[in-house]
Amino acid sequence: MFAEHLDRLAALHSQGKLSDEEYQRAKERVLGGEPKPAAAASGAAPLNAAINQLRRSREDRWIGGVCAGIGRITGLEAWIWRLLFTLMLLCGGTGLVAYLLMWIFVPSE
């Protein structure tokens, strides 16, 4: 029975209907192993690990280094985060509140 499922998966994979990652996860499910989360299987850090790595920048800072720290974790430039916080500031002040909270609670490098 397992062999039939594995043969079907291999056929779908060879036809290009399953990516390498999908094939590995399906194969692990058939064999009874616990499938890895998609983010961990692709090499990306899980969300909680990324949050634990978040630090305010000491070099690239305008005020508190929050935007540069978030940029380093997300892969976006710091100026994009600065623009987003400024836009949120203009929309009811949420940007200021969020920035201040992150400045207080996110540790520095």
PDB file of N, CA and C in Angstrom:
ATOM      1  N   MET A   1       0.813  -1.189   0.000  1.00  0.00           N
ATOM      2  CA  MET A   1       0.000   0.000   0.000  1.00  0.00           C
ATOM      3  C   MET A   1       0.864   1.263   0.000  1.00  0.00           C
ATOM      4  N   PHE A   2       1.912   1.308   0.853  1.00  0.00           N
ATOM      5  CA  PHE A   2       2.805   2.459   0.873  1.00  0.00           C
ATOM      6  C   PHE A   2       3.516   2.614  -0.459  1.00  0.00           C
ATOM      7  N   ALA A   3       3.871   1.476  -1.057  1.00  0.00           N
ATOM      8  CA  ALA A   3       4.584   1.513  -2.332  1.00  0.00           C
ATOM      9  C   ALA A   3       3.726   2.144  -3.420  1.00  0.00           C
ATOM     10  N   GLU A   4       2.425   1.837  -3.421  1.00  0.00           N
ATOM     11  CA  GLU A   4       1.527   2.425  -4.418  1.00  0.00           C
ATOM     12  C   GLU A   4       1.466   3.942  -4.267  1.00  0.00           C
ATOM     13  N   HIS A   5       1.342   4.400  -3.029  1.00  0.00           N
ATOM     14  CA  HIS A   5       1.280   5.844  -2.783  1.00  0.00           C
ATOM     15  C   HIS A   5       2.593   6.520  -3.178  1.00  0.00           C
ATOM     16  N   LEU A   6       3.691   5.889  -2.839  1.00  0.00           N
ATOM     17  CA  LEU A   6       4.987   6.469  -3.189  1.00  0.00           C
ATOM     18  C   LEU A   6       5.176   6.508  -4.699  1.00  0.00           C
ATOM     19  N   ASP A   7       4.713   5.456  -5.404  1.00  0.00           N
ATOM     20  CA  ASP A   7       4.807   5.444  -6.865  1.00  0.00           C
ATOM     21  C   ASP A   7       3.973   6.565  -7.473  1.00  0.00           C
ATOM     22  N   ARG A   8       2.765   6.783  -6.930  1.00  0.00           N
ATOM     23  CA  ARG A   8       1.906   7.869  -7.429  1.00  0.00           C
ATOM     24  C   ARG A   8       2.558   9.229  -7.188  1.00  0.00           C
ATOM     25  N   LEU A   9       3.118   9.399  -6.010  1.00  0.00           N
ATOM     26  CA  LEU A   9       3.795  10.661  -5.704  1.00  0.00           C
ATOM     27  C   LEU A   9       4.985  10.882  -6.628  1.00  0.00           C
ATOM     28  N   ALA A  10       5.767   9.813  -6.862  1.00  0.00           N
ATOM     29  CA  ALA A  10       6.925   9.928  -7.748  1.00  0.00           C
ATOM     30  C   ALA A  10       6.486  10.284  -9.168  1.00  0.00           C
ATOM     31  N   ALA A  11       5.365   9.699  -9.616  1.00  0.00           N
ATOM     32  CA  ALA A  11       4.860   9.999 -10.951  1.00  0.00           C
ATOM     33  C   ALA A  11       4.424  11.461 -11.039  1.00  0.00           C
ATOM     34  N   LEU A  12       3.709  11.942 -10.035  1.00  0.00           N
ATOM     35  CA  LEU A  12       3.290  13.343 -10.028  1.00  0.00           C
ATOM     36  C   LEU A  12       4.489  14.281  -9.990  1.00  0.00           C
ATOM     37  N   HIS A  13       5.494  13.920  -9.220  1.00  0.00           N
ATOM     38  CA  HIS A  13       6.706  14.732  -9.122  1.00  0.00           C
ATOM     39  C   HIS A  13       7.444  14.758 -10.458  1.00  0.00           C
ATOM     40  N   SER A  14       7.556  13.617 -11.115  1.00  0.00           N
ATOM     41  CA  SER A  14       8.269  13.569 -12.397  1.00  0.00           C
ATOM     42  C   SER A  14       7.502  14.302 -13.495  1.00  0.00           C
ATOM     43  N   GLN A  15       6.166  14.383 -13.379  1.00  0.00           N
ATOM     44  CA  GLN A  15       5.359  15.122 -14.350  1.00  0.00           C
ATOM     45  C   GLN A  15       5.383  16.625 -14.093  1.00  0.00           C
ATOM     46  N   GLY A  16       5.965  17.031 -12.972  1.00  0.00           N
ATOM     47  CA  GLY A  16       6.048  18.444 -12.641  1.00  0.00           C
ATOM     48  C   GLY A  16       4.826  18.971 -11.919  1.00  0.00           C
ATOM     49  N   LYS A  17       3.934  18.089 -11.507  1.00  0.00           N
ATOM     50  CA  LYS A  17       2.727  18.522 -10.806  1.00  0.00           C
ATOM     51  C   LYS A  17       2.981  18.768  -9.325  1.00  0.00           C
ATOM     52  N   LEU A  18       4.080  18.238  -8.808  1.00  0.00           N
ATOM     53  CA  LEU A  18       4.487  18.471  -7.424  1.00  0.00           C
ATOM     54  C   LEU A  18       5.885  19.071  -7.418  1.00  0.00           C
ATOM     55  N   SER A  19       6.072  20.119  -6.629  1.00  0.00           N
ATOM     56  CA  SER A  19       7.417  20.669  -6.484  1.00  0.00           C
ATOM     57  C   SER A  19       8.242  19.733  -5.594  1.00  0.00           C
ATOM     58  N   ASP A  20       9.528  19.981  -5.513  1.00  0.00           N
ATOM     59  CA  ASP A  20      10.398  19.157  -4.662  1.00  0.00           C
ATOM     60  C   ASP A  20       9.941  19.206  -3.207  1.00  0.00           C
ATOM     61  N   GLU A  21       9.592  20.416  -2.756  1.00  0.00           N
ATOM     62  CA  GLU A  21       9.158  20.587  -1.362  1.00  0.00           C
ATOM     63  C   GLU A  21       7.845  19.845  -1.113  1.00  0.00           C
ATOM     64  N   GLU A  22       6.885  19.965  -2.025  1.00  0.00           N
ATOM     65  CA  GLU A  22       5.600  19.275  -1.863  1.00  0.00           C
ATOM     66  C   GLU A  22       5.793  17.761  -1.880  1.00  0.00           C
ATOM     67  N   TYR A  23       6.672  17.296  -2.756  1.00  0.00           N
ATOM     68  CA  TYR A  23       6.950  15.860  -2.846  1.00  0.00           C
ATOM     69  C   TYR A  23       7.529  15.329  -1.540  1.00  0.00           C
ATOM     70  N   GLN A  24       8.482  16.067  -0.967  1.00  0.00           N
ATOM     71  CA  GLN A  24       9.104  15.624   0.287  1.00  0.00           C
ATOM     72  C   GLN A  24       8.093  15.593   1.431  1.00  0.00           C
ATOM     73  N   ARG A  25       7.248  16.636   1.515  1.00  0.00           N
ATOM     74  CA  ARG A  25       6.252  16.673   2.588  1.00  0.00           C
ATOM     75  C   ARG A  25       5.235  15.550   2.440  1.00  0.00           C
ATOM     76  N   ALA A  26       4.784  15.294   1.202  1.00  0.00           N
ATOM     77  CA  ALA A  26       3.808  14.217   0.976  1.00  0.00           C
ATOM     78  C   ALA A  26       4.430  12.862   1.269  1.00  0.00           C
ATOM     79  N   LYS A  27       5.675  12.690   0.881  1.00  0.00           N
ATOM     80  CA  LYS A  27       6.370  11.433   1.142  1.00  0.00           C
ATOM     81  C   LYS A  27       6.514  11.184   2.644  1.00  0.00           C
ATOM     82  N   GLU A  28       6.824  12.233   3.398  1.00  0.00           N
ATOM     83  CA  GLU A  28       6.933  12.097   4.852  1.00  0.00           C
ATOM     84  C   GLU A  28       5.591  11.729   5.473  1.00  0.00           C
ATOM     85  N   ARG A  29       4.503  12.315   4.937  1.00  0.00           N
ATOM     86  CA  ARG A  29       3.170  11.975   5.452  1.00  0.00           C
ATOM     87  C   ARG A  29       2.826  10.517   5.182  1.00  0.00           C
ATOM     88  N   VAL A  30       3.163  10.027   3.987  1.00  0.00           N
ATOM     89  CA  VAL A  30       2.862   8.633   3.638  1.00  0.00           C
ATOM     90  C   VAL A  30       3.654   7.679   4.518  1.00  0.00           C
ATOM     91  N   LEU A  31       4.905   8.009   4.763  1.00  0.00           N
ATOM     92  CA  LEU A  31       5.758   7.128   5.560  1.00  0.00           C
ATOM     93  C   LEU A  31       5.490   7.243   7.057  1.00  0.00           C
ATOM     94  N   GLY A  32       4.609   8.160   7.450  1.00  0.00           N
ATOM     95  CA  GLY A  32       4.226   8.262   8.853  1.00  0.00           C
ATOM     96  C   GLY A  32       5.052   9.224   9.656  1.00  0.00           C
ATOM     97  N   GLY A  33       5.998   9.897   9.027  1.00  0.00           N
ATOM     98  CA  GLY A  33       6.801  10.878   9.741  1.00  0.00           C
ATOM     99  C   GLY A  33       6.032  12.164   9.906  1.00  0.00           C
ATOM    100  N   GLU A  34       6.466  12.959  10.831  1.00  0.00           N
ATOM    101  CA  GLU A  34       5.845  14.264  11.050  1.00  0.00           C
ATOM    102  C   GLU A  34       6.372  15.225   9.998  1.00  0.00           C
ATOM    103  N   PRO A  35       5.505  15.780   9.135  1.00  0.00           N
ATOM    104  CA  PRO A  35       5.996  16.703   8.111  1.00  0.00           C
ATOM    105  C   PRO A  35       6.505  17.996   8.734  1.00  0.00           C
ATOM    106  N   LYS A  36       7.559  18.540   8.145  1.00  0.00           N
ATOM    107  CA  LYS A  36       8.121  19.792   8.625  1.00  0.00           C
ATOM    108  C   LYS A  36       7.219  20.935   8.185  1.00  0.00           C
ATOM    109  N   PRO A  37       7.152  22.016   8.946  1.00  0.00           N
ATOM    110  CA  PRO A  37       6.410  23.181   8.485  1.00  0.00           C
ATOM    111  C   PRO A  37       7.025  23.719   7.206  1.00  0.00           C
ATOM    112  N   ALA A  38       6.211  24.352   6.375  1.00  0.00           N
ATOM    113  CA  ALA A  38       6.677  24.824   5.072  1.00  0.00           C
ATOM    114  C   ALA A  38       7.834  25.803   5.208  1.00  0.00           C
ATOM    115  N   ALA A  39       7.783  26.708   6.191  1.00  0.00           N
ATOM    116  CA  ALA A  39       8.845  27.690   6.361  1.00  0.00           C
ATOM    117  C   ALA A  39      10.151  27.014   6.765  1.00  0.00           C
ATOM    118  N   ALA A  40      10.095  26.024   7.631  1.00  0.00           N
ATOM    119  CA  ALA A  40      11.305  25.345   8.075  1.00  0.00           C
ATOM    120  C   ALA A  40      11.856  24.464   6.961  1.00  0.00           C
ATOM    121  N   ALA A  41      10.987  23.869   6.155  1.00  0.00           N
ATOM    122  CA  ALA A  41      11.447  23.009   5.079  1.00  0.00           C
ATOM    123  C   ALA A  41      12.151  23.807   3.998  1.00  0.00           C
ATOM    124  N   SER A  42      11.728  25.048   3.770  1.00  0.00           N
ATOM    125  CA  SER A  42      12.339  25.848   2.719  1.00  0.00           C
ATOM    126  C   SER A  42      13.587  26.578   3.207  1.00  0.00           C
ATOM    127  N   GLY A  43      13.937  26.454   4.464  1.00  0.00           N
ATOM    128  CA  GLY A  43      15.139  27.077   4.989  1.00  0.00           C
ATOM    129  C   GLY A  43      14.873  28.423   5.645  1.00  0.00           C
ATOM    130  N   ALA A  44      13.650  28.940   5.571  1.00  0.00           N
ATOM    131  CA  ALA A  44      13.330  30.216   6.198  1.00  0.00           C
ATOM    132  C   ALA A  44      13.161  30.011   7.697  1.00  0.00           C
ATOM    133  N   ALA A  45      13.532  31.030   8.445  1.00  0.00           N
ATOM    134  CA  ALA A  45      13.405  30.936   9.901  1.00  0.00           C
ATOM    135  C   ALA A  45      11.938  31.024  10.294  1.00  0.00           C
ATOM    136  N   PRO A  46      11.498  30.236  11.252  1.00  0.00           N
ATOM    137  CA  PRO A  46      10.123  30.364  11.727  1.00  0.00           C
ATOM    138  C   PRO A  46       9.897  31.747  12.320  1.00  0.00           C
ATOM    139  N   LEU A  47       8.642  32.136  12.380  1.00  0.00           N
ATOM    140  CA  LEU A  47       8.297  33.478  12.828  1.00  0.00           C
ATOM    141  C   LEU A  47       8.806  33.763  14.233  1.00  0.00           C
ATOM    142  N   ASN A  48       8.645  32.817  15.151  1.00  0.00           N
ATOM    143  CA  ASN A  48       9.078  33.089  16.524  1.00  0.00           C
ATOM    144  C   ASN A  48      10.596  33.233  16.614  1.00  0.00           C
ATOM    145  N   ALA A  49      11.341  32.530  15.789  1.00  0.00           N
ATOM    146  CA  ALA A  49      12.796  32.679  15.794  1.00  0.00           C
ATOM    147  C   ALA A  49      13.184  34.047  15.249  1.00  0.00           C
ATOM    148  N   ALA A  50      12.455  34.517  14.229  1.00  0.00           N
ATOM    149  CA  ALA A  50      12.736  35.833  13.664  1.00  0.00           C
ATOM    150  C   ALA A  50      12.436  36.928  14.682  1.00  0.00           C
ATOM    151  N   ILE A  51      11.354  36.765  15.415  1.00  0.00           N
ATOM    152  CA  ILE A  51      11.006  37.760  16.435  1.00  0.00           C
ATOM    153  C   ILE A  51      12.057  37.772  17.533  1.00  0.00           C
ATOM    154  N   ASN A  52      12.569  36.603  17.895  1.00  0.00           N
ATOM    155  CA  ASN A  52      13.607  36.547  18.930  1.00  0.00           C
ATOM    156  C   ASN A  52      14.916  37.172  18.457  1.00  0.00           C
ATOM    157  N   GLN A  53      15.142  37.220  17.145  1.00  0.00           N
ATOM    158  CA  GLN A  53      16.361  37.818  16.611  1.00  0.00           C
ATOM    159  C   GLN A  53      16.237  39.322  16.420  1.00  0.00           C
ATOM    160  N   LEU A  54      15.032  39.863  16.557  1.00  0.00           N
ATOM    161  CA  LEU A  54      14.803  41.289  16.324  1.00  0.00           C
ATOM    162  C   LEU A  54      15.567  42.126  17.341  1.00  0.00           C
ATOM    163  N   ARG A  55      16.383  43.027  16.821  1.00  0.00           N
ATOM    164  CA  ARG A  55      17.159  43.946  17.648  1.00  0.00           C
ATOM    165  C   ARG A  55      17.136  45.313  16.981  1.00  0.00           C
ATOM    166  N   ARG A  56      17.154  46.373  17.810  1.00  0.00           N
ATOM    167  CA  ARG A  56      17.253  47.729  17.272  1.00  0.00           C
ATOM    168  C   ARG A  56      18.678  47.964  16.803  1.00  0.00           C
ATOM    169  N   SER A  57      18.809  48.598  15.663  1.00  0.00           N
ATOM    170  CA  SER A  57      20.125  48.848  15.082  1.00  0.00           C
ATOM    171  C   SER A  57      20.827  49.995  15.800  1.00  0.00           C
ATOM    172  N   ARG A  58      22.127  49.868  15.931  1.00  0.00           N
ATOM    173  CA  ARG A  58      22.920  50.964  16.509  1.00  0.00           C
ATOM    174  C   ARG A  58      23.566  51.812  15.419  1.00  0.00           C
ATOM    175  N   GLU A  59      23.811  51.220  14.247  1.00  0.00           N
ATOM    176  CA  GLU A  59      24.481  51.945  13.173  1.00  0.00           C
ATOM    177  C   GLU A  59      23.497  52.712  12.295  1.00  0.00           C
ATOM    178  N   ASP A  60      22.461  52.046  11.824  1.00  0.00           N
ATOM    179  CA  ASP A  60      21.504  52.632  10.880  1.00  0.00           C
ATOM    180  C   ASP A  60      20.274  53.086  11.652  1.00  0.00           C
ATOM    181  N   ARG A  61      20.394  54.207  12.352  1.00  0.00           N
ATOM    182  CA  ARG A  61      19.274  54.677  13.159  1.00  0.00           C
ATOM    183  C   ARG A  61      19.058  56.153  12.907  1.00  0.00           C
ATOM    184  N   TRP A  62      17.789  56.525  12.881  1.00  0.00           N
ATOM    185  CA  TRP A  62      17.437  57.943  12.826  1.00  0.00           C
ATOM    186  C   TRP A  62      16.986  58.389  14.204  1.00  0.00           C
ATOM    187  N   ILE A  63      16.134  57.588  14.809  1.00  0.00           N
ATOM    188  CA  ILE A  63      15.661  57.925  16.157  1.00  0.00           C
ATOM    189  C   ILE A  63      16.064  56.808  17.116  1.00  0.00           C
ATOM    190  N   GLY A  64      15.426  55.646  16.975  1.00  0.00           N
ATOM    191  CA  GLY A  64      15.692  54.565  17.913  1.00  0.00           C
ATOM    192  C   GLY A  64      16.267  53.303  17.289  1.00  0.00           C
ATOM    193  N   GLY A  65      16.374  53.244  15.964  1.00  0.00           N
ATOM    194  CA  GLY A  65      16.910  52.061  15.307  1.00  0.00           C
ATOM    195  C   GLY A  65      15.897  50.957  15.070  1.00  0.00           C
ATOM    196  N   VAL A  66      14.618  51.243  15.336  1.00  0.00           N
ATOM    197  CA  VAL A  66      13.581  50.223  15.198  1.00  0.00           C
ATOM    198  C   VAL A  66      13.404  49.815  13.738  1.00  0.00           C
ATOM    199  N   CYS A  67      13.294  50.781  12.842  1.00  0.00           N
ATOM    200  CA  CYS A  67      13.027  50.486  11.432  1.00  0.00           C
ATOM    201  C   CYS A  67      14.170  49.701  10.795  1.00  0.00           C
ATOM    202  N   ALA A  68      15.397  50.028  11.116  1.00  0.00           N
ATOM    203  CA  ALA A  68      16.528  49.282  10.572  1.00  0.00           C
ATOM    204  C   ALA A  68      16.558  47.857  11.107  1.00  0.00           C
ATOM    205  N   GLY A  69      16.177  47.678  12.359  1.00  0.00           N
ATOM    206  CA  GLY A  69      16.114  46.334  12.932  1.00  0.00           C
ATOM    207  C   GLY A  69      15.048  45.487  12.281  1.00  0.00           C
ATOM    208  N   ILE A  70      13.878  46.075  12.049  1.00  0.00           N
ATOM    209  CA  ILE A  70      12.810  45.339  11.373  1.00  0.00           C
ATOM    210  C   ILE A  70      13.217  45.050   9.932  1.00  0.00           C
ATOM    211  N   GLY A  71      13.865  46.010   9.295  1.00  0.00           N
ATOM    212  CA  GLY A  71      14.316  45.813   7.925  1.00  0.00           C
ATOM    213  C   GLY A  71      15.303  44.674   7.789  1.00  0.00           C
ATOM    214  N   ARG A  72      16.181  44.538   8.759  1.00  0.00           N
ATOM    215  CA  ARG A  72      17.166  43.455   8.720  1.00  0.00           C
ATOM    216  C   ARG A  72      16.477  42.091   8.811  1.00  0.00           C
ATOM    217  N   ILE A  73      15.442  41.986   9.628  1.00  0.00           N
ATOM    218  CA  ILE A  73      14.728  40.717   9.798  1.00  0.00           C
ATOM    219  C   ILE A  73      13.876  40.383   8.583  1.00  0.00           C
ATOM    220  N   THR A  74      13.184  41.386   8.030  1.00  0.00           N
ATOM    221  CA  THR A  74      12.246  41.139   6.934  1.00  0.00           C
ATOM    222  C   THR A  74      12.892  41.152   5.562  1.00  0.00           C
ATOM    223  N   GLY A  75      14.069  41.741   5.440  1.00  0.00           N
ATOM    224  CA  GLY A  75      14.718  41.825   4.138  1.00  0.00           C
ATOM    225  C   GLY A  75      14.322  43.064   3.353  1.00  0.00           C
ATOM    226  N   LEU A  76      13.479  43.910   3.931  1.00  0.00           N
ATOM    227  CA  LEU A  76      13.110  45.176   3.286  1.00  0.00           C
ATOM    228  C   LEU A  76      14.057  46.266   3.751  1.00  0.00           C
ATOM    229  N   GLU A  77      14.198  47.284   2.931  1.00  0.00           N
ATOM    230  CA  GLU A  77      15.045  48.411   3.294  1.00  0.00           C
ATOM    231  C   GLU A  77      14.437  49.159   4.474  1.00  0.00           C
ATOM    232  N   ALA A  78      15.274  49.794   5.263  1.00  0.00           N
ATOM    233  CA  ALA A  78      14.805  50.527   6.443  1.00  0.00           C
ATOM    234  C   ALA A  78      13.940  51.718   6.047  1.00  0.00           C
ATOM    235  N   TRP A  79      14.222  52.339   4.892  1.00  0.00           N
ATOM    236  CA  TRP A  79      13.437  53.505   4.489  1.00  0.00           C
ATOM    237  C   TRP A  79      11.984  53.126   4.214  1.00  0.00           C
ATOM    238  N   ILE A  80      11.735  51.887   3.784  1.00  0.00           N
ATOM    239  CA  ILE A  80      10.360  51.439   3.558  1.00  0.00           C
ATOM    240  C   ILE A  80       9.626  51.375   4.892  1.00  0.00           C
ATOM    241  N   TRP A  81      10.283  50.848   5.914  1.00  0.00           N
ATOM    242  CA  TRP A  81       9.667  50.783   7.238  1.00  0.00           C
ATOM    243  C   TRP A  81       9.460  52.177   7.821  1.00  0.00           C
ATOM    244  N   ARG A  82      10.413  53.077   7.577  1.00  0.00           N
ATOM    245  CA  ARG A  82      10.251  54.454   8.051  1.00  0.00           C
ATOM    246  C   ARG A  82       9.036  55.110   7.398  1.00  0.00           C
ATOM    247  N   LEU A  83       8.877  54.860   6.093  1.00  0.00           N
ATOM    248  CA  LEU A  83       7.727  55.394   5.379  1.00  0.00           C
ATOM    249  C   LEU A  83       6.414  54.813   5.920  1.00  0.00           C
ATOM    250  N   LEU A  84       6.401  53.506   6.192  1.00  0.00           N
ATOM    251  CA  LEU A  84       5.198  52.875   6.733  1.00  0.00           C
ATOM    252  C   LEU A  84       4.838  53.429   8.109  1.00  0.00           C
ATOM    253  N   PHE A  85       5.831  53.597   8.970  1.00  0.00           N
ATOM    254  CA  PHE A  85       5.559  54.161  10.292  1.00  0.00           C
ATOM    255  C   PHE A  85       5.075  55.608  10.176  1.00  0.00           C
ATOM    256  N   THR A  86       5.624  56.367   9.218  1.00  0.00           N
ATOM    257  CA  THR A  86       5.174  57.743   9.019  1.00  0.00           C
ATOM    258  C   THR A  86       3.740  57.778   8.519  1.00  0.00           C
ATOM    259  N   LEU A  87       3.402  56.902   7.587  1.00  0.00           N
ATOM    260  CA  LEU A  87       2.024  56.835   7.095  1.00  0.00           C
ATOM    261  C   LEU A  87       1.059  56.425   8.208  1.00  0.00           C
ATOM    262  N   MET A  88       1.484  55.491   9.050  1.00  0.00           N
ATOM    263  CA  MET A  88       0.641  55.092  10.180  1.00  0.00           C
ATOM    264  C   MET A  88       0.518  56.224  11.197  1.00  0.00           C
ATOM    265  N   LEU A  89       1.553  57.033  11.323  1.00  0.00           N
ATOM    266  CA  LEU A  89       1.498  58.191  12.207  1.00  0.00           C
ATOM    267  C   LEU A  89       0.432  59.164  11.727  1.00  0.00           C
ATOM    268  N   LEU A  90       0.348  59.366  10.418  1.00  0.00           N
ATOM    269  CA  LEU A  90      -0.637  60.275   9.853  1.00  0.00           C
ATOM    270  C   LEU A  90      -2.049  59.708   9.909  1.00  0.00           C
ATOM    271  N   CYS A  91      -2.172  58.411  10.088  1.00  0.00           N
ATOM    272  CA  CYS A  91      -3.482  57.746  10.167  1.00  0.00           C
ATOM    273  C   CYS A  91      -3.865  57.489  11.622  1.00  0.00           C
ATOM    274  N   GLY A  92      -4.049  58.527  12.362  1.00  0.00           N
ATOM    275  CA  GLY A  92      -4.527  58.382  13.735  1.00  0.00           C
ATOM    276  C   GLY A  92      -3.449  58.199  14.780  1.00  0.00           C
ATOM    277  N   GLY A  93      -2.191  58.286  14.423  1.00  0.00           N
ATOM    278  CA  GLY A  93      -1.130  58.195  15.409  1.00  0.00           C
ATOM    279  C   GLY A  93      -0.695  56.794  15.788  1.00  0.00           C
ATOM    280  N   THR A  94      -1.216  55.785  15.093  1.00  0.00           N
ATOM    281  CA  THR A  94      -0.841  54.409  15.444  1.00  0.00           C
ATOM    282  C   THR A  94       0.637  54.139  15.192  1.00  0.00           C
ATOM    283  N   GLY A  95       1.206  54.821  14.215  1.00  0.00           N
ATOM    284  CA  GLY A  95       2.627  54.636  13.930  1.00  0.00           C
ATOM    285  C   GLY A  95       3.500  55.076  15.083  1.00  0.00           C
ATOM    286  N   LEU A  96       3.144  56.181  15.696  1.00  0.00           N
ATOM    287  CA  LEU A  96       3.912  56.680  16.835  1.00  0.00           C
ATOM    288  C   LEU A  96       3.814  55.724  18.015  1.00  0.00           C
ATOM    289  N   VAL A  97       2.612  55.244  18.289  1.00  0.00           N
ATOM    290  CA  VAL A  97       2.412  54.316  19.410  1.00  0.00           C
ATOM    291  C   VAL A  97       3.191  53.026  19.170  1.00  0.00           C
ATOM    292  N   ALA A  98       3.079  52.474  17.953  1.00  0.00           N
ATOM    293  CA  ALA A  98       3.783  51.222  17.636  1.00  0.00           C
ATOM    294  C   ALA A  98       5.296  51.416  17.722  1.00  0.00           C
ATOM    295  N   TYR A  99       5.794  52.544  17.190  1.00  0.00           N
ATOM    296  CA  TYR A  99       7.227  52.813  17.214  1.00  0.00           C
ATOM    297  C   TYR A  99       7.729  52.951  18.651  1.00  0.00           C
ATOM    298  N   LEU A 100       7.001  53.709  19.456  1.00  0.00           N
ATOM    299  CA  LEU A 100       7.421  53.896  20.847  1.00  0.00           C
ATOM    300  C   LEU A 100       7.431  52.581  21.623  1.00  0.00           C
ATOM    301  N   LEU A 101       6.401  51.760  21.417  1.00  0.00           N
ATOM    302  CA  LEU A 101       6.369  50.463  22.092  1.00  0.00           C
ATOM    303  C   LEU A 101       7.541  49.578  21.667  1.00  0.00           C
ATOM    304  N   MET A 102       7.843  49.582  20.372  1.00  0.00           N
ATOM    305  CA  MET A 102       8.974  48.769  19.909  1.00  0.00           C
ATOM    306  C   MET A 102      10.298  49.349  20.425  1.00  0.00           C
ATOM    307  N   TRP A 103      10.405  50.657  20.495  1.00  0.00           N
ATOM    308  CA  TRP A 103      11.614  51.279  21.021  1.00  0.00           C
ATOM    309  C   TRP A 103      11.841  50.881  22.473  1.00  0.00           C
ATOM    310  N   ILE A 104      10.752  50.756  23.222  1.00  0.00           N
ATOM    311  CA  ILE A 104      10.853  50.388  24.628  1.00  0.00           C
ATOM    312  C   ILE A 104      11.143  48.902  24.806  1.00  0.00           C
ATOM    313  N   PHE A 105      10.439  48.051  24.066  1.00  0.00           N
ATOM    314  CA  PHE A 105      10.491  46.616  24.338  1.00  0.00           C
ATOM    315  C   PHE A 105      11.477  45.813  23.497  1.00  0.00           C
ATOM    316  N   VAL A 106      11.911  46.331  22.349  1.00  0.00           N
ATOM    317  CA  VAL A 106      12.878  45.594  21.527  1.00  0.00           C
ATOM    318  C   VAL A 106      14.283  45.951  22.002  1.00  0.00           C
ATOM    319  N   PRO A 107      15.075  44.951  22.346  1.00  0.00           N
ATOM    320  CA  PRO A 107      16.428  45.255  22.842  1.00  0.00           C
ATOM    321  C   PRO A 107      17.343  45.773  21.742  1.00  0.00           C
ATOM    322  N   SER A 108      18.333  46.519  22.153  1.00  0.00           N
ATOM    323  CA  SER A 108      19.331  47.053  21.223  1.00  0.00           C
ATOM    324  C   SER A 108      20.361  45.984  20.909  1.00  0.00           C
ATOM    325  N   GLU A 109      21.080  46.174  19.818  1.00  0.00           N
ATOM    326  CA  GLU A 109      22.126  45.223  19.436  1.00  0.00           C
ATOM    327  C   GLU A 109      23.210  45.154  20.502  1.00  0.00           C
TER     328      GLU A 109
END
